Amino acid sequence: MKILFSDEFRLAYALLLQAAVLAGAWRFVRRRVATDWADRATDVLLLNFLVQYLAVTLPGVIGILSPLTIAITTLALSAVLYFVPARGVPAAAAVPFTRADDRWVVLACTLFAVAYVATTGWEQRPMPVMANDAVTYHFPAAVRWLQTG
């Protein structure tokens, strides 16, 4: 029973839930939107944020917010996204990159974002979490508000 409450189990549990959301969102977007991979990826990320928001909000509004109801809601929303019927978008309608310059712009933006996140992480690594950190108070306050209204 101790393994169910270990940090490793909670990490694996969170990663599996996230994988379910991303799989459902990717299939939904791939079957309904005829664009390139970068446009689809942004749609998948937006759907991912929507599912996360709804997975906490729906049980919270009903008054049954718990880790189990969040997981059930997440899996249900992921299944809905995965099994929604296709809209019949032809694969030939996808818009590929037309010029080599377009690829360099995407690559440059991606490299900048990765370098920015890596640099920020490297610079912030020795700093402890502050007692007045916004995240420290934001999440418990949001959960309390969802539970009590």
N, C-alpha and C. Protein backbone atom coordinates (compact mmCIF):
# COMPACT_ATOMS: atom_id res chain seq x y z
N MET A 1 0.82 -1.20 0.00
CA MET A 1 0.00 0.00 0.00
C MET A 1 0.86 1.26 0.00
N LYS A 2 2.08 1.12 0.56
CA LYS A 2 2.97 2.27 0.62
C LYS A 2 3.36 2.77 -0.77
N ILE A 3 3.42 1.86 -1.74
CA ILE A 3 3.80 2.25 -3.10
C ILE A 3 2.77 3.17 -3.75
N LEU A 4 1.50 3.05 -3.36
CA LEU A 4 0.46 3.89 -3.94
C LEU A 4 0.59 5.35 -3.55
N PHE A 5 1.32 5.63 -2.49
CA PHE A 5 1.47 7.01 -2.03
C PHE A 5 2.89 7.54 -2.24
N SER A 6 3.70 6.79 -2.96
CA SER A 6 5.07 7.23 -3.21
C SER A 6 5.09 8.33 -4.27
N ASP A 7 6.15 9.09 -4.26
CA ASP A 7 6.31 10.17 -5.23
C ASP A 7 6.41 9.62 -6.66
N GLU A 8 7.07 8.48 -6.80
CA GLU A 8 7.23 7.89 -8.13
C GLU A 8 5.88 7.47 -8.72
N PHE A 9 5.02 6.90 -7.88
CA PHE A 9 3.71 6.50 -8.35
C PHE A 9 2.88 7.71 -8.75
N ARG A 10 2.93 8.76 -7.95
CA ARG A 10 2.17 9.97 -8.29
C ARG A 10 2.67 10.58 -9.58
N LEU A 11 3.99 10.56 -9.81
CA LEU A 11 4.54 11.08 -11.06
C LEU A 11 4.08 10.24 -12.24
N ALA A 12 4.15 8.92 -12.12
CA ALA A 12 3.70 8.04 -13.20
C ALA A 12 2.21 8.23 -13.46
N TYR A 13 1.43 8.39 -12.42
CA TYR A 13 -0.01 8.62 -12.52
C TYR A 13 -0.30 9.91 -13.28
N ALA A 14 0.41 10.98 -12.93
CA ALA A 14 0.22 12.26 -13.61
C ALA A 14 0.65 12.18 -15.07
N LEU A 15 1.74 11.49 -15.35
CA LEU A 15 2.20 11.36 -16.74
C LEU A 15 1.23 10.54 -17.58
N LEU A 16 0.65 9.49 -17.00
CA LEU A 16 -0.33 8.70 -17.74
C LEU A 16 -1.60 9.49 -18.03
N LEU A 17 -2.05 10.28 -17.06
CA LEU A 17 -3.21 11.14 -17.31
C LEU A 17 -2.91 12.15 -18.41
N GLN A 18 -1.72 12.74 -18.36
CA GLN A 18 -1.32 13.71 -19.38
C GLN A 18 -1.22 13.06 -20.74
N ALA A 19 -0.70 11.84 -20.80
CA ALA A 19 -0.60 11.12 -22.07
C ALA A 19 -1.99 10.83 -22.64
N ALA A 20 -2.94 10.50 -21.79
CA ALA A 20 -4.30 10.25 -22.26
C ALA A 20 -4.91 11.52 -22.86
N VAL A 21 -4.70 12.64 -22.20
CA VAL A 21 -5.23 13.91 -22.71
C VAL A 21 -4.59 14.25 -24.06
N LEU A 22 -3.27 14.14 -24.13
CA LEU A 22 -2.58 14.49 -25.37
C LEU A 22 -2.97 13.55 -26.52
N ALA A 23 -3.14 12.26 -26.23
CA ALA A 23 -3.55 11.32 -27.28
C ALA A 23 -4.94 11.65 -27.80
N GLY A 24 -5.86 11.92 -26.89
CA GLY A 24 -7.22 12.27 -27.31
C GLY A 24 -7.25 13.58 -28.09
N ALA A 25 -6.52 14.57 -27.60
CA ALA A 25 -6.50 15.88 -28.28
C ALA A 25 -5.84 15.77 -29.65
N TRP A 26 -4.74 15.03 -29.74
CA TRP A 26 -4.05 14.90 -31.03
C TRP A 26 -4.94 14.22 -32.06
N ARG A 27 -5.62 13.15 -31.65
CA ARG A 27 -6.50 12.46 -32.61
C ARG A 27 -7.67 13.36 -33.01
N PHE A 28 -8.21 14.10 -32.06
CA PHE A 28 -9.32 15.00 -32.36
C PHE A 28 -8.88 16.06 -33.38
N VAL A 29 -7.74 16.67 -33.13
CA VAL A 29 -7.26 17.75 -34.02
C VAL A 29 -6.87 17.17 -35.37
N ARG A 30 -6.20 16.04 -35.39
CA ARG A 30 -5.75 15.45 -36.65
C ARG A 30 -6.93 15.08 -37.55
N ARG A 31 -8.03 14.67 -36.96
CA ARG A 31 -9.19 14.24 -37.74
C ARG A 31 -10.09 15.40 -38.14
N ARG A 32 -9.91 16.57 -37.57
CA ARG A 32 -10.85 17.67 -37.83
C ARG A 32 -10.20 18.92 -38.42
N VAL A 33 -8.90 19.03 -38.39
CA VAL A 33 -8.23 20.25 -38.87
C VAL A 33 -7.21 19.87 -39.93
N ALA A 34 -7.29 20.50 -41.08
CA ALA A 34 -6.36 20.21 -42.18
C ALA A 34 -5.33 21.31 -42.29
N THR A 35 -4.34 21.28 -41.41
CA THR A 35 -3.25 22.25 -41.44
C THR A 35 -1.94 21.52 -41.23
N ASP A 36 -0.87 22.28 -41.07
CA ASP A 36 0.43 21.67 -40.86
C ASP A 36 0.60 21.23 -39.40
N TRP A 37 1.72 20.56 -39.11
CA TRP A 37 1.94 19.98 -37.78
C TRP A 37 2.07 21.04 -36.70
N ALA A 38 2.63 22.20 -37.01
CA ALA A 38 2.81 23.24 -36.00
C ALA A 38 1.46 23.81 -35.56
N ASP A 39 0.57 24.02 -36.50
CA ASP A 39 -0.76 24.52 -36.18
C ASP A 39 -1.54 23.48 -35.38
N ARG A 40 -1.39 22.23 -35.75
CA ARG A 40 -2.07 21.16 -35.01
C ARG A 40 -1.53 21.08 -33.58
N ALA A 41 -0.22 21.23 -33.43
CA ALA A 41 0.39 21.14 -32.09
C ALA A 41 -0.14 22.25 -31.18
N THR A 42 -0.32 23.44 -31.71
CA THR A 42 -0.86 24.52 -30.87
C THR A 42 -2.31 24.24 -30.50
N ASP A 43 -3.07 23.67 -31.42
CA ASP A 43 -4.45 23.30 -31.10
C ASP A 43 -4.49 22.22 -30.02
N VAL A 44 -3.57 21.27 -30.10
CA VAL A 44 -3.50 20.20 -29.09
C VAL A 44 -3.17 20.79 -27.73
N LEU A 45 -2.24 21.72 -27.68
CA LEU A 45 -1.88 22.35 -26.39
C LEU A 45 -3.06 23.14 -25.82
N LEU A 46 -3.78 23.84 -26.66
CA LEU A 46 -4.95 24.56 -26.18
C LEU A 46 -6.02 23.62 -25.65
N LEU A 47 -6.25 22.51 -26.35
CA LEU A 47 -7.20 21.52 -25.86
C LEU A 47 -6.71 20.90 -24.55
N ASN A 48 -5.41 20.70 -24.44
CA ASN A 48 -4.83 20.18 -23.21
C ASN A 48 -5.15 21.11 -22.03
N PHE A 49 -4.95 22.40 -22.21
CA PHE A 49 -5.27 23.36 -21.14
C PHE A 49 -6.76 23.37 -20.83
N LEU A 50 -7.60 23.25 -21.86
CA LEU A 50 -9.04 23.22 -21.64
C LEU A 50 -9.45 22.00 -20.82
N VAL A 51 -8.90 20.84 -21.15
CA VAL A 51 -9.22 19.62 -20.39
C VAL A 51 -8.75 19.76 -18.94
N GLN A 52 -7.56 20.31 -18.73
CA GLN A 52 -7.08 20.50 -17.35
C GLN A 52 -8.00 21.43 -16.58
N TYR A 53 -8.42 22.49 -17.21
CA TYR A 53 -9.31 23.45 -16.55
C TYR A 53 -10.65 22.80 -16.21
N LEU A 54 -11.23 22.09 -17.18
CA LEU A 54 -12.52 21.45 -16.95
C LEU A 54 -12.43 20.30 -15.94
N ALA A 55 -11.30 19.60 -15.91
CA ALA A 55 -11.15 18.49 -14.99
C ALA A 55 -11.15 18.94 -13.53
N VAL A 56 -10.79 20.18 -13.28
CA VAL A 56 -10.84 20.71 -11.92
C VAL A 56 -12.14 21.48 -11.69
N THR A 57 -12.57 22.21 -12.69
CA THR A 57 -13.75 23.06 -12.52
C THR A 57 -15.04 22.26 -12.38
N LEU A 58 -15.26 21.28 -13.23
CA LEU A 58 -16.52 20.53 -13.19
C LEU A 58 -16.75 19.83 -11.85
N PRO A 59 -15.79 19.04 -11.34
CA PRO A 59 -16.02 18.46 -10.01
C PRO A 59 -16.10 19.51 -8.91
N GLY A 60 -15.35 20.60 -9.06
CA GLY A 60 -15.38 21.65 -8.04
C GLY A 60 -16.72 22.34 -7.96
N VAL A 61 -17.32 22.61 -9.10
CA VAL A 61 -18.63 23.28 -9.12
C VAL A 61 -19.70 22.35 -8.55
N ILE A 62 -19.59 21.06 -8.85
CA ILE A 62 -20.56 20.10 -8.34
C ILE A 62 -20.36 19.86 -6.85
N GLY A 63 -19.13 20.09 -6.35
CA GLY A 63 -18.84 19.91 -4.94
C GLY A 63 -18.24 18.56 -4.60
N ILE A 64 -17.66 17.90 -5.59
CA ILE A 64 -17.06 16.59 -5.36
C ILE A 64 -15.58 16.57 -5.76
N LEU A 65 -14.90 17.67 -5.55
CA LEU A 65 -13.51 17.80 -5.98
C LEU A 65 -12.60 16.91 -5.14
N SER A 66 -11.92 16.00 -5.80
CA SER A 66 -10.92 15.14 -5.16
C SER A 66 -9.99 14.64 -6.25
N PRO A 67 -8.86 14.09 -5.88
CA PRO A 67 -7.97 13.56 -6.93
C PRO A 67 -8.63 12.49 -7.80
N LEU A 68 -9.49 11.68 -7.20
CA LEU A 68 -10.17 10.64 -7.97
C LEU A 68 -11.15 11.23 -8.99
N THR A 69 -11.93 12.23 -8.58
CA THR A 69 -12.88 12.83 -9.53
C THR A 69 -12.17 13.62 -10.62
N ILE A 70 -11.03 14.22 -10.28
CA ILE A 70 -10.24 14.91 -11.31
C ILE A 70 -9.74 13.90 -12.34
N ALA A 71 -9.26 12.74 -11.87
CA ALA A 71 -8.77 11.72 -12.79
C ALA A 71 -9.90 11.16 -13.65
N ILE A 72 -11.05 10.91 -13.05
CA ILE A 72 -12.19 10.39 -13.81
C ILE A 72 -12.65 11.39 -14.86
N THR A 73 -12.73 12.66 -14.47
CA THR A 73 -13.14 13.70 -15.42
C THR A 73 -12.12 13.83 -16.55
N THR A 74 -10.84 13.77 -16.21
CA THR A 74 -9.79 13.86 -17.23
C THR A 74 -9.89 12.71 -18.22
N LEU A 75 -10.06 11.50 -17.71
CA LEU A 75 -10.16 10.35 -18.60
C LEU A 75 -11.43 10.40 -19.45
N ALA A 76 -12.54 10.87 -18.86
CA ALA A 76 -13.78 10.98 -19.63
C ALA A 76 -13.65 12.00 -20.75
N LEU A 77 -13.08 13.16 -20.45
CA LEU A 77 -12.90 14.19 -21.49
C LEU A 77 -11.93 13.72 -22.56
N SER A 78 -10.89 13.00 -22.16
CA SER A 78 -9.93 12.46 -23.14
C SER A 78 -10.61 11.44 -24.05
N ALA A 79 -11.45 10.60 -23.47
CA ALA A 79 -12.17 9.60 -24.27
C ALA A 79 -13.13 10.27 -25.25
N VAL A 80 -13.79 11.33 -24.81
CA VAL A 80 -14.68 12.06 -25.71
C VAL A 80 -13.89 12.63 -26.88
N LEU A 81 -12.75 13.24 -26.60
CA LEU A 81 -11.93 13.78 -27.68
C LEU A 81 -11.43 12.68 -28.61
N TYR A 82 -11.09 11.54 -28.05
CA TYR A 82 -10.53 10.45 -28.86
C TYR A 82 -11.58 9.82 -29.77
N PHE A 83 -12.82 9.68 -29.27
CA PHE A 83 -13.83 8.96 -30.03
C PHE A 83 -14.81 9.84 -30.80
N VAL A 84 -14.61 11.15 -30.81
CA VAL A 84 -15.47 12.01 -31.61
C VAL A 84 -15.27 11.64 -33.08
N PRO A 85 -16.36 11.48 -33.83
CA PRO A 85 -16.21 11.07 -35.23
C PRO A 85 -15.47 12.12 -36.07
N ALA A 86 -14.81 11.64 -37.09
CA ALA A 86 -14.07 12.52 -37.99
C ALA A 86 -15.05 13.36 -38.80
N ARG A 87 -14.56 14.52 -39.20
CA ARG A 87 -15.40 15.44 -39.97
C ARG A 87 -15.20 15.28 -41.46
N GLY A 88 -14.29 14.43 -41.85
CA GLY A 88 -14.09 14.19 -43.27
C GLY A 88 -13.17 15.21 -43.92
N VAL A 89 -12.13 15.64 -43.22
CA VAL A 89 -11.17 16.58 -43.79
C VAL A 89 -10.18 15.79 -44.63
N PRO A 90 -10.04 16.12 -45.91
CA PRO A 90 -9.10 15.37 -46.75
C PRO A 90 -7.66 15.66 -46.35
N ALA A 91 -6.85 14.63 -46.37
CA ALA A 91 -5.45 14.78 -45.99
C ALA A 91 -4.70 15.67 -46.98
N ALA A 92 -5.13 15.71 -48.22
CA ALA A 92 -4.46 16.52 -49.24
C ALA A 92 -4.66 18.01 -49.00
N ALA A 93 -5.61 18.36 -48.14
CA ALA A 93 -5.88 19.77 -47.89
C ALA A 93 -4.89 20.39 -46.91
N ALA A 94 -4.03 19.56 -46.32
CA ALA A 94 -3.05 20.09 -45.38
C ALA A 94 -2.09 21.03 -46.10
N VAL A 95 -1.76 22.11 -45.42
CA VAL A 95 -0.89 23.12 -46.01
C VAL A 95 0.54 22.89 -45.53
N PRO A 96 1.43 22.42 -46.42
CA PRO A 96 2.82 22.22 -46.01
C PRO A 96 3.57 23.55 -46.01
N PHE A 97 4.75 23.53 -45.42
CA PHE A 97 5.60 24.71 -45.52
C PHE A 97 5.96 24.92 -46.98
N THR A 98 5.82 26.14 -47.44
CA THR A 98 6.04 26.39 -48.86
C THR A 98 7.46 26.84 -49.17
N ARG A 99 8.10 27.47 -48.22
CA ARG A 99 9.46 27.97 -48.46
C ARG A 99 10.39 27.46 -47.37
N ALA A 100 11.65 27.39 -47.68
CA ALA A 100 12.64 26.96 -46.69
C ALA A 100 12.75 28.00 -45.58
N ASP A 101 12.46 29.27 -45.88
CA ASP A 101 12.53 30.32 -44.85
C ASP A 101 11.54 30.06 -43.73
N ASP A 102 10.39 29.51 -44.05
CA ASP A 102 9.38 29.22 -43.04
C ASP A 102 9.90 28.23 -42.01
N ARG A 103 10.64 27.25 -42.46
CA ARG A 103 11.19 26.26 -41.53
C ARG A 103 12.23 26.88 -40.62
N TRP A 104 13.02 27.80 -41.11
CA TRP A 104 14.04 28.43 -40.29
C TRP A 104 13.41 29.32 -39.22
N VAL A 105 12.31 29.95 -39.55
CA VAL A 105 11.62 30.78 -38.56
C VAL A 105 11.09 29.92 -37.43
N VAL A 106 10.46 28.81 -37.76
CA VAL A 106 9.94 27.90 -36.74
C VAL A 106 11.08 27.33 -35.91
N LEU A 107 12.15 26.92 -36.56
CA LEU A 107 13.30 26.38 -35.85
C LEU A 107 13.92 27.42 -34.93
N ALA A 108 14.07 28.64 -35.40
CA ALA A 108 14.65 29.70 -34.58
C ALA A 108 13.78 30.00 -33.36
N CYS A 109 12.47 30.06 -33.54
CA CYS A 109 11.56 30.31 -32.42
C CYS A 109 11.60 29.17 -31.41
N THR A 110 11.65 27.95 -31.90
CA THR A 110 11.71 26.79 -31.01
C THR A 110 13.01 26.78 -30.23
N LEU A 111 14.12 27.02 -30.90
CA LEU A 111 15.42 27.06 -30.21
C LEU A 111 15.47 28.18 -29.17
N PHE A 112 14.91 29.33 -29.50
CA PHE A 112 14.88 30.42 -28.54
C PHE A 112 14.07 30.03 -27.31
N ALA A 113 12.89 29.42 -27.51
CA ALA A 113 12.04 29.03 -26.39
C ALA A 113 12.73 27.99 -25.51
N VAL A 114 13.37 27.01 -26.12
CA VAL A 114 14.07 25.98 -25.36
C VAL A 114 15.23 26.60 -24.58
N ALA A 115 16.00 27.46 -25.23
CA ALA A 115 17.12 28.11 -24.55
C ALA A 115 16.64 29.01 -23.41
N TYR A 116 15.54 29.70 -23.60
CA TYR A 116 14.99 30.58 -22.56
C TYR A 116 14.57 29.77 -21.33
N VAL A 117 13.85 28.68 -21.57
CA VAL A 117 13.39 27.84 -20.45
C VAL A 117 14.59 27.21 -19.75
N ALA A 118 15.55 26.71 -20.51
CA ALA A 118 16.73 26.09 -19.90
C ALA A 118 17.53 27.11 -19.09
N THR A 119 17.71 28.30 -19.61
CA THR A 119 18.45 29.34 -18.89
C THR A 119 17.72 29.76 -17.62
N THR A 120 16.42 29.93 -17.70
CA THR A 120 15.65 30.30 -16.52
C THR A 120 15.73 29.20 -15.46
N GLY A 121 15.61 27.96 -15.88
CA GLY A 121 15.73 26.84 -14.94
C GLY A 121 17.10 26.77 -14.30
N TRP A 122 18.14 27.01 -15.10
CA TRP A 122 19.50 26.98 -14.58
C TRP A 122 19.73 28.11 -13.58
N GLU A 123 19.23 29.27 -13.86
CA GLU A 123 19.42 30.41 -12.97
C GLU A 123 18.60 30.29 -11.69
N GLN A 124 17.44 29.66 -11.76
CA GLN A 124 16.56 29.57 -10.60
C GLN A 124 16.80 28.32 -9.75
N ARG A 125 17.64 27.41 -10.18
CA ARG A 125 17.80 26.15 -9.48
C ARG A 125 18.29 26.27 -8.04
N PRO A 126 19.17 27.20 -7.67
CA PRO A 126 19.59 27.23 -6.26
C PRO A 126 18.59 27.96 -5.34
N MET A 127 17.59 28.60 -5.91
CA MET A 127 16.68 29.39 -5.09
C MET A 127 15.57 28.52 -4.50
N PRO A 128 15.35 28.60 -3.20
CA PRO A 128 14.26 27.82 -2.60
C PRO A 128 12.91 28.47 -2.91
N VAL A 129 11.86 27.69 -2.74
CA VAL A 129 10.52 28.22 -2.92
C VAL A 129 10.25 29.20 -1.79
N MET A 130 9.79 30.37 -2.15
CA MET A 130 9.54 31.40 -1.14
C MET A 130 8.17 31.17 -0.50
N ALA A 131 8.04 31.58 0.73
CA ALA A 131 6.78 31.42 1.45
C ALA A 131 5.68 32.27 0.83
N ASN A 132 6.04 33.37 0.19
CA ASN A 132 5.03 34.24 -0.42
C ASN A 132 4.96 34.04 -1.94
N ASP A 133 5.36 32.87 -2.41
CA ASP A 133 5.27 32.55 -3.82
C ASP A 133 3.80 32.48 -4.22
N ALA A 134 3.47 33.03 -5.37
CA ALA A 134 2.07 33.09 -5.81
C ALA A 134 1.48 31.69 -5.99
N VAL A 135 2.28 30.75 -6.48
CA VAL A 135 1.78 29.40 -6.69
C VAL A 135 1.45 28.73 -5.36
N THR A 136 2.20 29.06 -4.32
CA THR A 136 1.97 28.46 -3.00
C THR A 136 0.56 28.74 -2.51
N TYR A 137 0.07 29.95 -2.77
CA TYR A 137 -1.25 30.32 -2.28
C TYR A 137 -2.33 30.19 -3.35
N HIS A 138 -1.97 30.24 -4.60
CA HIS A 138 -2.97 30.24 -5.66
C HIS A 138 -3.74 28.93 -5.73
N PHE A 139 -3.03 27.81 -5.77
CA PHE A 139 -3.71 26.53 -5.95
C PHE A 139 -4.61 26.17 -4.77
N PRO A 140 -4.13 26.26 -3.52
CA PRO A 140 -5.05 25.95 -2.41
C PRO A 140 -6.23 26.90 -2.35
N ALA A 141 -6.02 28.17 -2.67
CA ALA A 141 -7.12 29.12 -2.65
C ALA A 141 -8.14 28.79 -3.73
N ALA A 142 -7.69 28.38 -4.90
CA ALA A 142 -8.61 28.02 -5.98
C ALA A 142 -9.41 26.77 -5.61
N VAL A 143 -8.74 25.79 -5.01
CA VAL A 143 -9.45 24.58 -4.61
C VAL A 143 -10.48 24.90 -3.54
N ARG A 144 -10.10 25.72 -2.58
CA ARG A 144 -11.04 26.10 -1.52
C ARG A 144 -12.24 26.84 -2.10
N TRP A 145 -11.98 27.74 -3.04
CA TRP A 145 -13.07 28.49 -3.65
C TRP A 145 -14.01 27.55 -4.42
N LEU A 146 -13.41 26.59 -5.15
CA LEU A 146 -14.24 25.64 -5.90
C LEU A 146 -15.08 24.78 -4.97
N GLN A 147 -14.55 24.44 -3.80
CA GLN A 147 -15.28 23.60 -2.88
C GLN A 147 -16.39 24.37 -2.16
N THR A 148 -16.14 25.62 -1.85
CA THR A 148 -17.10 26.38 -1.03
C THR A 148 -17.91 27.38 -1.84
N GLY A 149 -17.43 27.76 -3.00
CA GLY A 149 -18.15 28.74 -3.81
C GLY A 149 -17.83 30.12 -3.36
